[in-house]
Amino acid sequence: MAHRETEILRPVGTGPANGEIAQRLLVSEATVKTHAKRLMSTLSLASRVQAVVAAHESGLVAPGAHRVTGEHPDAGTYGR
């Protein structure tokens, strides 16, 4: 999988829409869609739900990751 496809898979795994991903990565929504289609083809995925599962199973996204930031809501709070 190409670097940019990995950059797209991580936020796809947390659930935001293509437009939100595009804003965060400073690319067009069409670019996000293109990379998402390519990564789904590369990974033989039939749906975005499968892409979410793949992102979690690969470790790109931690369980409970925040939809917008991609970080776990408790990240950095341990030991406080």
N, C-alpha and C. Protein backbone atom coordinates (compact mmCIF):
# COMPACT_ATOMS: atom_id res chain seq x y z
N MET A 1 0.85 -1.17 0.00
CA MET A 1 0.00 0.00 0.00
C MET A 1 0.90 1.24 0.00
N ALA A 2 0.55 2.20 -0.80
CA ALA A 2 1.32 3.44 -0.92
C ALA A 2 1.19 4.27 0.36
N HIS A 3 2.17 5.14 0.59
CA HIS A 3 2.18 6.00 1.78
C HIS A 3 0.89 6.82 1.88
N ARG A 4 0.47 7.42 0.79
CA ARG A 4 -0.72 8.27 0.82
C ARG A 4 -1.96 7.44 1.13
N GLU A 5 -2.00 6.21 0.64
CA GLU A 5 -3.14 5.34 0.94
C GLU A 5 -3.20 5.04 2.43
N THR A 6 -2.03 4.86 3.05
CA THR A 6 -1.98 4.64 4.50
C THR A 6 -2.45 5.90 5.23
N GLU A 7 -2.05 7.06 4.73
CA GLU A 7 -2.51 8.33 5.32
C GLU A 7 -4.03 8.46 5.25
N ILE A 8 -4.63 7.91 4.22
CA ILE A 8 -6.08 7.98 4.06
C ILE A 8 -6.76 6.92 4.93
N LEU A 9 -6.17 5.72 5.01
CA LEU A 9 -6.79 4.62 5.76
C LEU A 9 -6.91 4.96 7.24
N ARG A 10 -5.91 5.61 7.80
CA ARG A 10 -5.94 5.94 9.24
C ARG A 10 -7.19 6.74 9.59
N PRO A 11 -7.47 7.87 8.94
CA PRO A 11 -8.70 8.60 9.31
C PRO A 11 -9.98 7.88 8.87
N VAL A 12 -9.94 7.13 7.78
CA VAL A 12 -11.12 6.36 7.39
C VAL A 12 -11.50 5.43 8.54
N GLY A 13 -10.49 4.91 9.21
CA GLY A 13 -10.72 3.99 10.33
C GLY A 13 -11.40 4.62 11.53
N THR A 14 -11.40 5.94 11.61
CA THR A 14 -12.07 6.60 12.73
C THR A 14 -13.43 7.17 12.34
N GLY A 15 -13.79 7.08 11.07
CA GLY A 15 -15.15 7.38 10.66
C GLY A 15 -15.51 8.71 10.04
N PRO A 16 -14.62 9.68 9.88
CA PRO A 16 -15.07 10.94 9.29
C PRO A 16 -15.40 10.80 7.79
N ALA A 17 -16.15 11.73 7.30
CA ALA A 17 -16.51 11.75 5.88
C ALA A 17 -15.29 12.16 5.05
N ASN A 18 -15.35 11.88 3.77
CA ASN A 18 -14.24 12.22 2.87
C ASN A 18 -13.88 13.70 2.92
N GLY A 19 -14.88 14.56 3.04
CA GLY A 19 -14.63 16.00 3.10
C GLY A 19 -13.81 16.39 4.33
N GLU A 20 -14.12 15.77 5.47
CA GLU A 20 -13.37 16.05 6.70
C GLU A 20 -11.93 15.57 6.57
N ILE A 21 -11.75 14.39 5.97
CA ILE A 21 -10.40 13.85 5.76
C ILE A 21 -9.62 14.78 4.84
N ALA A 22 -10.27 15.24 3.79
CA ALA A 22 -9.63 16.15 2.83
C ALA A 22 -9.16 17.43 3.52
N GLN A 23 -10.01 18.02 4.35
CA GLN A 23 -9.63 19.24 5.06
C GLN A 23 -8.44 19.00 5.97
N ARG A 24 -8.43 17.87 6.67
CA ARG A 24 -7.36 17.58 7.60
C ARG A 24 -6.03 17.36 6.88
N LEU A 25 -6.07 16.69 5.71
CA LEU A 25 -4.85 16.38 4.97
C LEU A 25 -4.49 17.45 3.93
N LEU A 26 -5.32 18.49 3.85
CA LEU A 26 -5.09 19.59 2.90
C LEU A 26 -5.02 19.11 1.45
N VAL A 27 -5.98 18.26 1.09
CA VAL A 27 -6.13 17.76 -0.28
C VAL A 27 -7.59 17.90 -0.67
N SER A 28 -7.89 17.65 -1.93
CA SER A 28 -9.30 17.74 -2.35
C SER A 28 -10.05 16.46 -1.95
N GLU A 29 -11.35 16.60 -1.88
CA GLU A 29 -12.18 15.44 -1.57
C GLU A 29 -12.04 14.38 -2.65
N ALA A 30 -11.87 14.80 -3.90
CA ALA A 30 -11.67 13.85 -5.00
C ALA A 30 -10.39 13.04 -4.80
N THR A 31 -9.34 13.69 -4.27
CA THR A 31 -8.08 12.99 -3.99
C THR A 31 -8.30 11.92 -2.92
N VAL A 32 -9.03 12.28 -1.88
CA VAL A 32 -9.34 11.31 -0.82
C VAL A 32 -10.09 10.12 -1.40
N LYS A 33 -11.09 10.40 -2.24
CA LYS A 33 -11.88 9.33 -2.84
C LYS A 33 -11.01 8.42 -3.71
N THR A 34 -10.13 9.01 -4.48
CA THR A 34 -9.24 8.23 -5.35
C THR A 34 -8.35 7.31 -4.53
N HIS A 35 -7.72 7.85 -3.49
CA HIS A 35 -6.84 7.03 -2.67
C HIS A 35 -7.63 5.97 -1.90
N ALA A 36 -8.82 6.33 -1.45
CA ALA A 36 -9.65 5.36 -0.74
C ALA A 36 -10.03 4.20 -1.66
N LYS A 37 -10.39 4.51 -2.91
CA LYS A 37 -10.72 3.45 -3.87
C LYS A 37 -9.52 2.55 -4.14
N ARG A 38 -8.34 3.18 -4.28
CA ARG A 38 -7.13 2.41 -4.55
C ARG A 38 -6.78 1.50 -3.37
N LEU A 39 -6.86 2.03 -2.16
CA LEU A 39 -6.51 1.19 -1.00
C LEU A 39 -7.52 0.07 -0.82
N MET A 40 -8.79 0.35 -1.11
CA MET A 40 -9.80 -0.71 -1.01
C MET A 40 -9.54 -1.79 -2.05
N SER A 41 -9.12 -1.39 -3.24
CA SER A 41 -8.77 -2.36 -4.27
C SER A 41 -7.53 -3.15 -3.87
N THR A 42 -6.51 -2.45 -3.38
CA THR A 42 -5.26 -3.09 -2.96
C THR A 42 -5.51 -4.13 -1.87
N LEU A 43 -6.38 -3.80 -0.93
CA LEU A 43 -6.66 -4.68 0.20
C LEU A 43 -7.84 -5.62 -0.06
N SER A 44 -8.40 -5.57 -1.27
CA SER A 44 -9.56 -6.40 -1.64
C SER A 44 -10.73 -6.20 -0.69
N LEU A 45 -11.05 -4.95 -0.43
CA LEU A 45 -12.16 -4.61 0.46
C LEU A 45 -13.37 -4.22 -0.37
N ALA A 46 -14.54 -4.66 0.07
CA ALA A 46 -15.76 -4.38 -0.67
C ALA A 46 -16.52 -3.16 -0.16
N SER A 47 -16.20 -2.71 1.06
CA SER A 47 -16.94 -1.58 1.62
C SER A 47 -16.07 -0.75 2.54
N ARG A 48 -16.57 0.42 2.86
CA ARG A 48 -15.85 1.30 3.79
C ARG A 48 -15.82 0.68 5.19
N VAL A 49 -16.84 -0.05 5.53
CA VAL A 49 -16.86 -0.73 6.83
C VAL A 49 -15.69 -1.71 6.92
N GLN A 50 -15.43 -2.42 5.85
CA GLN A 50 -14.28 -3.32 5.84
C GLN A 50 -12.97 -2.53 5.96
N ALA A 51 -12.92 -1.33 5.41
CA ALA A 51 -11.73 -0.49 5.53
C ALA A 51 -11.53 -0.06 6.98
N VAL A 52 -12.62 0.24 7.68
CA VAL A 52 -12.54 0.59 9.10
C VAL A 52 -11.97 -0.59 9.89
N VAL A 53 -12.49 -1.78 9.62
CA VAL A 53 -12.00 -2.98 10.30
C VAL A 53 -10.52 -3.20 10.00
N ALA A 54 -10.13 -3.05 8.74
CA ALA A 54 -8.73 -3.24 8.35
C ALA A 54 -7.82 -2.24 9.06
N ALA A 55 -8.27 -0.99 9.19
CA ALA A 55 -7.48 0.04 9.89
C ALA A 55 -7.26 -0.34 11.34
N HIS A 56 -8.29 -0.89 11.97
CA HIS A 56 -8.17 -1.30 13.36
C HIS A 56 -7.31 -2.55 13.50
N GLU A 57 -7.54 -3.53 12.63
CA GLU A 57 -6.79 -4.79 12.72
C GLU A 57 -5.30 -4.60 12.42
N SER A 58 -4.98 -3.62 11.58
CA SER A 58 -3.58 -3.38 11.22
C SER A 58 -2.84 -2.57 12.28
N GLY A 59 -3.59 -2.01 13.23
CA GLY A 59 -2.98 -1.19 14.26
C GLY A 59 -2.85 0.28 13.89
N LEU A 60 -3.34 0.66 12.72
CA LEU A 60 -3.29 2.08 12.32
C LEU A 60 -4.20 2.93 13.20
N VAL A 61 -5.26 2.32 13.72
CA VAL A 61 -6.21 3.02 14.56
C VAL A 61 -6.38 2.22 15.85
N ALA A 62 -6.24 2.88 16.97
CA ALA A 62 -6.42 2.22 18.26
C ALA A 62 -7.91 2.12 18.59
N PRO A 63 -8.32 1.05 19.28
CA PRO A 63 -9.72 0.96 19.71
C PRO A 63 -10.11 2.19 20.51
N GLY A 64 -11.25 2.75 20.21
CA GLY A 64 -11.73 3.94 20.90
C GLY A 64 -11.16 5.24 20.37
N ALA A 65 -10.48 5.18 19.22
CA ALA A 65 -9.87 6.40 18.66
C ALA A 65 -10.95 7.43 18.37
N HIS A 66 -10.60 8.68 18.58
CA HIS A 66 -11.51 9.80 18.38
C HIS A 66 -11.77 10.03 16.90
N ARG A 67 -12.99 10.33 16.57
CA ARG A 67 -13.41 10.50 15.18
C ARG A 67 -12.66 11.62 14.47
N VAL A 68 -12.40 12.72 15.13
CA VAL A 68 -11.77 13.86 14.48
C VAL A 68 -10.25 13.79 14.59
N THR A 69 -9.72 13.55 15.78
CA THR A 69 -8.28 13.59 15.97
C THR A 69 -7.60 12.27 15.64
N GLY A 70 -8.35 11.15 15.73
CA GLY A 70 -7.75 9.84 15.52
C GLY A 70 -7.03 9.33 16.74
N GLU A 71 -7.07 10.11 17.83
CA GLU A 71 -6.43 9.72 19.08
C GLU A 71 -7.46 9.15 20.04
N HIS A 72 -7.01 8.26 20.92
CA HIS A 72 -7.88 7.72 21.94
C HIS A 72 -8.23 8.86 22.89
N PRO A 73 -9.48 8.94 23.35
CA PRO A 73 -9.87 10.05 24.20
C PRO A 73 -9.08 10.14 25.50
N ASP A 74 -8.49 9.03 25.97
CA ASP A 74 -7.70 9.03 27.20
C ASP A 74 -6.21 9.19 26.94
N ALA A 75 -5.81 9.41 25.69
CA ALA A 75 -4.38 9.50 25.36
C ALA A 75 -3.72 10.61 26.16
N GLY A 76 -2.62 10.27 26.79
CA GLY A 76 -1.88 11.27 27.54
C GLY A 76 -2.41 11.57 28.90
N THR A 77 -3.46 10.90 29.34
CA THR A 77 -4.03 11.18 30.65
C THR A 77 -3.62 10.16 31.69
N TYR A 78 -2.95 9.10 31.29
CA TYR A 78 -2.54 8.09 32.25
C TYR A 78 -1.51 8.66 33.21
N GLY A 79 -1.67 8.33 34.48
CA GLY A 79 -0.73 8.77 35.49
C GLY A 79 -1.00 10.17 36.01
N ARG A 80 -2.10 10.76 35.60
CA ARG A 80 -2.44 12.12 36.08
C ARG A 80 -3.33 12.02 37.29
